[in-house]
N, C-alpha and C. Protein backbone atom coordinates (compact mmCIF):
# COMPACT_ATOMS: atom_id res chain seq x y z
N MET A 1 -71.00 -81.15 -60.98
CA MET A 1 -70.07 -81.62 -61.92
C MET A 1 -68.79 -81.39 -61.92
N ALA A 2 -68.26 -82.70 -61.86
CA ALA A 2 -66.63 -82.47 -61.50
C ALA A 2 -65.84 -81.88 -62.65
N TYR A 3 -64.64 -81.51 -62.45
CA TYR A 3 -63.74 -80.83 -63.29
C TYR A 3 -63.51 -81.87 -64.40
N GLN A 4 -63.52 -81.66 -65.63
CA GLN A 4 -63.05 -82.39 -66.69
C GLN A 4 -62.37 -81.40 -67.58
N TYR A 5 -61.32 -81.55 -67.34
CA TYR A 5 -60.13 -81.03 -68.43
C TYR A 5 -60.30 -81.42 -69.76
N ASP A 6 -60.35 -80.67 -70.95
CA ASP A 6 -60.26 -80.75 -72.09
C ASP A 6 -59.02 -80.59 -72.82
N ASP A 7 -57.99 -81.71 -72.84
CA ASP A 7 -56.84 -81.12 -73.43
C ASP A 7 -56.37 -80.46 -74.97
N ASN A 8 -57.82 -80.40 -75.54
CA ASN A 8 -57.75 -79.92 -77.04
C ASN A 8 -58.53 -78.77 -77.13
N ASN A 9 -58.86 -77.97 -75.88
CA ASN A 9 -59.20 -76.66 -75.71
C ASN A 9 -58.29 -75.88 -76.50
N ILE A 10 -58.49 -74.43 -76.86
CA ILE A 10 -57.59 -73.51 -77.81
C ILE A 10 -56.56 -73.32 -76.44
N PHE A 11 -56.81 -73.09 -75.19
CA PHE A 11 -55.61 -72.80 -74.41
C PHE A 11 -54.80 -73.61 -74.05
N ALA A 12 -55.10 -74.86 -74.36
CA ALA A 12 -54.30 -75.86 -73.99
C ALA A 12 -53.16 -75.92 -75.39
N ARG A 13 -54.13 -75.58 -76.54
CA ARG A 13 -53.02 -75.91 -77.76
C ARG A 13 -52.21 -74.72 -77.72
N ILE A 14 -52.62 -73.57 -77.05
CA ILE A 14 -51.64 -72.30 -77.29
C ILE A 14 -50.25 -72.56 -76.37
N LEU A 15 -50.47 -73.47 -75.17
CA LEU A 15 -49.53 -73.67 -74.37
C LEU A 15 -48.84 -74.40 -74.97
N ARG A 16 -49.20 -75.47 -75.56
CA ARG A 16 -48.31 -76.37 -76.61
C ARG A 16 -47.55 -76.10 -77.81
N GLY A 17 -47.80 -74.55 -77.77
CA GLY A 17 -47.39 -73.77 -79.33
C GLY A 17 -47.99 -74.43 -80.33
N GLU A 18 -49.02 -74.92 -80.32
CA GLU A 18 -49.93 -75.19 -81.69
C GLU A 18 -50.78 -74.10 -82.60
N ILE A 19 -50.83 -72.76 -81.65
CA ILE A 19 -51.85 -72.02 -81.92
C ILE A 19 -50.91 -70.87 -81.53
N PRO A 20 -50.72 -69.80 -82.41
CA PRO A 20 -50.05 -68.64 -81.96
C PRO A 20 -50.74 -67.70 -81.27
N ASN A 21 -50.12 -66.59 -80.47
CA ASN A 21 -50.72 -65.64 -79.60
C ASN A 21 -49.75 -64.75 -79.74
N ASP A 22 -50.23 -63.29 -79.32
CA ASP A 22 -49.52 -62.06 -78.89
C ASP A 22 -49.02 -62.21 -77.25
N THR A 23 -48.20 -62.63 -76.99
CA THR A 23 -47.82 -63.03 -75.72
C THR A 23 -47.29 -61.47 -75.22
N VAL A 24 -47.97 -61.13 -73.98
CA VAL A 24 -47.85 -60.10 -73.25
C VAL A 24 -46.86 -60.31 -72.28
N ALA A 25 -46.71 -61.48 -71.38
CA ALA A 25 -45.98 -61.80 -70.38
C ALA A 25 -46.07 -63.33 -69.87
N GLU A 26 -44.95 -63.57 -69.41
CA GLU A 26 -44.85 -65.37 -69.01
C GLU A 26 -44.21 -65.37 -67.82
N ASN A 27 -44.48 -66.37 -66.98
CA ASN A 27 -43.18 -66.77 -66.07
C ASN A 27 -43.86 -68.42 -65.93
N ASP A 28 -42.98 -68.93 -64.82
CA ASP A 28 -43.19 -70.44 -64.95
C ASP A 28 -44.49 -71.29 -64.97
N TYR A 29 -45.52 -70.20 -64.38
CA TYR A 29 -46.63 -70.90 -63.84
C TYR A 29 -47.61 -70.17 -64.81
N ALA A 30 -47.64 -69.37 -65.63
CA ALA A 30 -48.83 -68.62 -66.04
C ALA A 30 -48.44 -67.85 -67.42
N LEU A 31 -49.44 -67.85 -68.36
CA LEU A 31 -49.27 -67.02 -69.89
C LEU A 31 -50.23 -65.91 -69.94
N ALA A 32 -49.78 -64.64 -70.32
CA ALA A 32 -50.51 -63.73 -70.52
C ALA A 32 -50.47 -63.09 -72.13
N PHE A 33 -51.75 -62.97 -72.81
CA PHE A 33 -51.71 -62.91 -74.20
C PHE A 33 -52.82 -62.04 -74.40
N ARG A 34 -52.53 -61.23 -75.37
CA ARG A 34 -53.90 -60.08 -75.88
C ARG A 34 -54.82 -61.13 -76.58
N ASP A 35 -56.22 -60.53 -76.15
CA ASP A 35 -57.43 -61.35 -76.70
C ASP A 35 -57.47 -60.90 -78.31
N ILE A 36 -57.91 -62.22 -78.75
CA ILE A 36 -58.22 -61.97 -80.45
C ILE A 36 -59.32 -61.05 -80.61
N ALA A 37 -60.13 -61.11 -79.79
CA ALA A 37 -61.49 -59.95 -80.00
C ALA A 37 -61.56 -59.20 -79.04
N PRO A 38 -60.57 -58.21 -78.78
CA PRO A 38 -60.49 -57.20 -77.66
C PRO A 38 -61.97 -56.42 -77.26
N LYS A 39 -62.27 -56.38 -76.01
CA LYS A 39 -63.64 -55.69 -75.81
C LYS A 39 -63.52 -54.28 -74.81
N ALA A 40 -62.16 -53.74 -75.06
CA ALA A 40 -61.43 -53.12 -74.39
C ALA A 40 -60.36 -52.47 -75.27
N PRO A 41 -59.84 -51.07 -74.67
CA PRO A 41 -58.28 -51.05 -75.33
C PRO A 41 -57.39 -51.55 -74.94
N THR A 42 -57.51 -52.23 -73.71
CA THR A 42 -56.25 -53.16 -73.03
C THR A 42 -57.58 -54.44 -72.74
N HIS A 43 -57.06 -55.71 -73.28
CA HIS A 43 -57.80 -56.46 -73.10
C HIS A 43 -56.59 -57.91 -73.19
N VAL A 44 -56.13 -58.27 -71.68
CA VAL A 44 -55.19 -59.55 -71.84
C VAL A 44 -55.85 -60.56 -71.04
N LEU A 45 -55.61 -61.94 -71.66
CA LEU A 45 -56.16 -62.95 -70.78
C LEU A 45 -54.67 -63.75 -70.20
N VAL A 46 -54.98 -64.03 -68.94
CA VAL A 46 -53.92 -64.74 -68.26
C VAL A 46 -54.45 -65.74 -67.90
N ILE A 47 -53.46 -66.92 -68.14
CA ILE A 47 -54.08 -68.55 -67.98
C ILE A 47 -53.05 -68.84 -67.27
N PRO A 48 -53.26 -69.94 -66.42
CA PRO A 48 -52.25 -70.62 -65.76
C PRO A 48 -51.91 -71.76 -66.53
N LYS A 49 -50.58 -72.10 -66.65
CA LYS A 49 -49.92 -73.44 -67.54
C LYS A 49 -50.62 -74.46 -67.06
N GLY A 50 -51.19 -74.88 -65.81
CA GLY A 50 -51.66 -76.31 -65.46
C GLY A 50 -52.80 -76.38 -66.02
N LYS A 51 -53.58 -77.47 -65.74
CA LYS A 51 -54.95 -78.02 -66.51
C LYS A 51 -55.88 -77.60 -65.36
N TYR A 52 -56.23 -76.62 -65.36
CA TYR A 52 -57.50 -76.18 -64.47
C TYR A 52 -58.58 -75.48 -65.14
N VAL A 53 -59.83 -76.20 -65.05
CA VAL A 53 -60.90 -75.74 -65.93
C VAL A 53 -61.35 -74.58 -65.49
N SER A 54 -61.67 -74.41 -64.08
CA SER A 54 -62.32 -72.82 -63.77
C SER A 54 -61.52 -71.98 -62.57
N PHE A 55 -62.06 -71.01 -62.35
CA PHE A 55 -61.37 -70.38 -61.06
C PHE A 55 -61.51 -71.38 -59.70
N ASP A 56 -62.68 -71.75 -59.61
CA ASP A 56 -62.72 -72.59 -58.21
C ASP A 56 -61.90 -73.72 -57.96
N ASP A 57 -61.70 -74.31 -59.63
CA ASP A 57 -60.79 -75.58 -59.86
C ASP A 57 -59.37 -75.11 -59.11
N PHE A 58 -59.09 -73.87 -59.84
CA PHE A 58 -57.63 -73.73 -59.81
C PHE A 58 -57.39 -73.17 -58.18
N ALA A 59 -58.01 -72.31 -57.64
CA ALA A 59 -58.16 -71.88 -56.23
C ALA A 59 -58.11 -73.20 -55.06
N ALA A 60 -58.82 -74.13 -55.38
CA ALA A 60 -58.83 -75.33 -54.76
C ALA A 60 -57.88 -76.50 -55.02
N ASN A 61 -57.01 -76.50 -56.28
CA ASN A 61 -56.44 -77.46 -56.43
C ASN A 61 -55.12 -77.12 -57.05
N ALA A 62 -54.80 -75.85 -57.24
CA ALA A 62 -53.33 -75.59 -57.85
C ALA A 62 -52.53 -75.24 -56.59
N SER A 63 -51.13 -75.90 -56.52
CA SER A 63 -49.98 -75.28 -55.69
C SER A 63 -50.04 -73.87 -55.17
N GLU A 64 -49.36 -73.68 -54.06
CA GLU A 64 -49.52 -72.24 -53.76
C GLU A 64 -48.39 -71.86 -54.96
N ALA A 65 -47.44 -72.32 -54.99
CA ALA A 65 -46.23 -71.46 -56.22
C ALA A 65 -47.54 -71.21 -57.35
N GLU A 66 -48.15 -72.22 -57.98
CA GLU A 66 -48.68 -71.65 -59.26
C GLU A 66 -49.58 -70.53 -58.80
N ILE A 67 -50.36 -70.71 -57.73
CA ILE A 67 -51.30 -69.62 -57.36
C ILE A 67 -50.80 -68.11 -57.41
N MET A 68 -49.58 -68.25 -56.79
CA MET A 68 -48.57 -66.95 -56.52
C MET A 68 -48.32 -66.45 -58.20
N GLY A 69 -47.51 -67.40 -58.68
CA GLY A 69 -47.04 -67.27 -60.03
C GLY A 69 -48.24 -66.57 -60.87
N PHE A 70 -49.37 -67.21 -61.03
CA PHE A 70 -50.51 -66.58 -61.55
C PHE A 70 -50.81 -65.27 -61.12
N MET A 71 -50.92 -65.14 -59.78
CA MET A 71 -51.52 -63.67 -59.39
C MET A 71 -50.16 -62.58 -59.76
N ARG A 72 -49.22 -62.87 -59.26
CA ARG A 72 -48.04 -61.92 -59.70
C ARG A 72 -47.80 -61.38 -60.85
N LEU A 73 -48.23 -62.72 -62.00
CA LEU A 73 -47.98 -62.56 -63.45
C LEU A 73 -49.21 -61.44 -63.71
N SER A 74 -50.37 -61.48 -63.30
CA SER A 74 -51.69 -60.97 -63.38
C SER A 74 -51.20 -59.24 -62.97
N ALA A 75 -50.78 -59.14 -61.82
CA ALA A 75 -50.21 -57.69 -61.43
C ALA A 75 -49.41 -57.28 -62.30
N GLN A 76 -48.40 -57.94 -62.71
CA GLN A 76 -47.50 -57.46 -63.84
C GLN A 76 -48.00 -56.79 -64.94
N VAL A 77 -48.90 -57.77 -65.60
CA VAL A 77 -49.64 -57.24 -66.84
C VAL A 77 -50.15 -56.19 -66.58
N ALA A 78 -51.25 -55.80 -65.61
CA ALA A 78 -51.87 -54.48 -65.21
C ALA A 78 -50.99 -53.48 -65.07
N LYS A 79 -49.76 -53.71 -64.69
CA LYS A 79 -48.82 -52.46 -64.40
C LYS A 79 -48.23 -51.84 -65.52
N ALA A 80 -47.87 -53.20 -66.61
CA ALA A 80 -47.31 -52.88 -67.64
C ALA A 80 -48.07 -52.48 -68.72
N GLU A 81 -49.37 -52.44 -68.75
CA GLU A 81 -50.45 -52.42 -69.74
C GLU A 81 -50.79 -50.78 -69.41
N GLY A 82 -50.49 -50.36 -68.20
CA GLY A 82 -50.88 -49.01 -67.71
C GLY A 82 -52.20 -48.88 -66.93
N VAL A 83 -52.85 -50.01 -66.72
CA VAL A 83 -53.95 -49.93 -66.20
C VAL A 83 -54.33 -50.09 -64.68
N SER A 84 -53.08 -50.49 -64.16
CA SER A 84 -52.96 -50.56 -62.36
C SER A 84 -53.30 -49.08 -61.75
N LEU A 85 -53.71 -49.35 -60.92
CA LEU A 85 -54.02 -48.04 -59.96
C LEU A 85 -52.67 -47.39 -59.92
N GLU A 86 -51.39 -48.04 -59.73
CA GLU A 86 -50.01 -47.58 -59.82
C GLU A 86 -49.44 -47.27 -61.55
N GLY A 87 -50.26 -45.71 -61.75
CA GLY A 87 -49.83 -45.17 -62.93
C GLY A 87 -51.12 -45.20 -64.06
N GLY A 88 -52.18 -46.02 -63.51
CA GLY A 88 -53.22 -45.85 -64.52
C GLY A 88 -54.63 -45.61 -63.80
N ASN A 89 -56.06 -45.98 -64.45
CA ASN A 89 -56.90 -45.52 -64.00
C ASN A 89 -57.71 -46.61 -63.49
N GLY A 90 -57.37 -47.93 -63.28
CA GLY A 90 -57.78 -49.13 -63.00
C GLY A 90 -58.54 -49.84 -64.00
N PHE A 91 -58.96 -51.07 -63.98
CA PHE A 91 -59.15 -52.02 -64.79
C PHE A 91 -60.14 -53.15 -64.26
N ARG A 92 -60.60 -53.85 -64.88
CA ARG A 92 -61.83 -54.99 -64.39
C ARG A 92 -61.05 -56.20 -64.79
N ALA A 93 -61.33 -56.99 -63.83
CA ALA A 93 -60.54 -58.70 -63.90
C ALA A 93 -61.93 -59.36 -63.84
N ILE A 94 -61.93 -59.99 -64.69
CA ILE A 94 -63.17 -61.10 -64.71
C ILE A 94 -62.62 -62.46 -65.27
N THR A 95 -63.43 -63.46 -64.51
CA THR A 95 -63.32 -64.91 -65.04
C THR A 95 -64.69 -65.46 -64.85
N ASN A 96 -65.07 -66.16 -65.74
CA ASN A 96 -66.08 -66.78 -66.09
C ASN A 96 -66.03 -68.25 -65.61
N ALA A 97 -67.23 -68.92 -65.03
CA ALA A 97 -67.34 -70.27 -64.66
C ALA A 97 -68.41 -70.90 -65.55
N GLY A 98 -68.25 -72.28 -65.93
CA GLY A 98 -69.54 -72.97 -66.12
C GLY A 98 -70.48 -72.18 -67.25
N SER A 99 -71.50 -72.99 -67.22
CA SER A 99 -72.72 -72.43 -68.45
C SER A 99 -73.41 -71.11 -67.78
N ASP A 100 -73.62 -70.99 -66.37
CA ASP A 100 -74.11 -69.81 -66.16
C ASP A 100 -73.34 -68.80 -66.01
N GLY A 101 -71.81 -68.98 -65.77
CA GLY A 101 -71.23 -67.97 -66.09
C GLY A 101 -70.85 -67.69 -67.47
N VAL A 102 -71.19 -68.32 -68.46
CA VAL A 102 -70.96 -68.13 -69.82
C VAL A 102 -69.47 -68.42 -70.00
N GLN A 103 -68.93 -69.19 -69.41
CA GLN A 103 -67.49 -69.78 -69.69
C GLN A 103 -67.41 -70.08 -71.28
N GLU A 104 -66.53 -69.73 -72.18
CA GLU A 104 -66.61 -70.04 -73.55
C GLU A 104 -65.33 -71.33 -73.67
N VAL A 105 -64.32 -71.23 -72.84
CA VAL A 105 -62.73 -72.08 -73.00
C VAL A 105 -63.01 -72.51 -71.73
N PRO A 106 -62.91 -74.00 -71.66
CA PRO A 106 -62.87 -74.81 -70.20
C PRO A 106 -61.34 -74.93 -69.95
N HIS A 107 -60.94 -73.49 -69.71
CA HIS A 107 -59.60 -73.76 -69.10
C HIS A 107 -59.67 -72.43 -68.28
N PHE A 108 -59.36 -72.19 -67.08
CA PHE A 108 -59.36 -71.14 -66.39
C PHE A 108 -58.72 -70.02 -66.84
N HIS A 109 -59.01 -68.63 -67.05
CA HIS A 109 -58.52 -67.49 -67.47
C HIS A 109 -58.91 -66.40 -67.03
N LEU A 110 -58.33 -65.39 -66.87
CA LEU A 110 -58.88 -64.01 -66.45
C LEU A 110 -58.38 -63.16 -67.46
N HIS A 111 -59.68 -62.08 -67.30
CA HIS A 111 -59.70 -61.23 -68.72
C HIS A 111 -59.43 -59.99 -67.61
N ILE A 112 -58.17 -59.33 -68.04
CA ILE A 112 -57.63 -57.95 -67.73
C ILE A 112 -58.22 -57.08 -68.67
N MET A 113 -59.01 -55.79 -68.32
CA MET A 113 -59.36 -55.23 -69.42
C MET A 113 -59.61 -53.60 -68.44
N GLY A 114 -59.04 -52.82 -69.62
CA GLY A 114 -59.21 -51.40 -69.21
C GLY A 114 -58.69 -50.42 -70.01
N GLY A 115 -58.49 -49.03 -70.18
CA GLY A 115 -57.89 -48.52 -70.95
C GLY A 115 -59.13 -47.41 -71.26
N ARG A 116 -60.41 -47.53 -70.57
CA ARG A 116 -61.31 -46.75 -70.71
C ARG A 116 -62.37 -47.02 -69.38
N ASN A 117 -63.30 -46.63 -69.34
CA ASN A 117 -64.65 -46.65 -68.08
C ASN A 117 -65.17 -47.89 -68.52
N MET A 118 -65.28 -49.09 -68.00
CA MET A 118 -65.69 -49.94 -68.11
C MET A 118 -67.09 -49.96 -68.04
N GLY A 119 -68.03 -49.21 -67.68
CA GLY A 119 -69.31 -48.81 -67.40
C GLY A 119 -69.88 -50.05 -66.23
N PRO A 120 -71.04 -50.37 -66.14
CA PRO A 120 -71.81 -50.95 -65.38
C PRO A 120 -71.30 -52.43 -65.33
N MET A 121 -71.12 -53.22 -63.97
CA MET A 121 -70.79 -54.41 -64.02
C MET A 121 -71.47 -55.26 -64.92
N LEU A 122 -73.02 -55.34 -64.74
CA LEU A 122 -73.87 -56.24 -65.77
C LEU A 122 -75.04 -55.16 -66.31
N ALA A 123 -75.08 -55.57 -67.72
CA ALA A 123 -76.08 -54.86 -68.33
C ALA A 123 -77.63 -54.62 -67.72
N THR A 124 -78.15 -55.73 -67.06
CA THR A 124 -79.44 -55.71 -66.33
C THR A 124 -79.31 -56.43 -64.90
N GLY A 125 -80.11 -55.82 -64.30
CA GLY A 125 -79.95 -56.35 -62.79
C GLY A 125 -80.56 -57.90 -62.49
N GLY A 126 -80.61 -58.06 -61.32
CA GLY A 126 -80.96 -59.43 -61.11
C GLY A 126 -80.38 -60.58 -61.47
């Protein structure tokens, strides 16, 4: 399946300022904001400002500056939220892609989750 970006997805609308968010951090290439339905004490989403559908789309097609800006903002968020290994006990970084990955919004996003033990990676094996 080709990458088909939906300009009306919720994250595109957040980036355009049509939907409010609880911004945690931002740079020229990415925006970080609190998840509206957090699954952990710390649950922040980091999204690129470019139109990328999934992690593999972003990794293959984003510019080096976009990738670096996204990654640096992600690290900044983990540290500022107190979950990085520099002052915290760690975190989980998750991205979902496509239907098998149970991706809910067709805009690449990284979940940074922590503040407690996150438990096993998957509820069931296989």
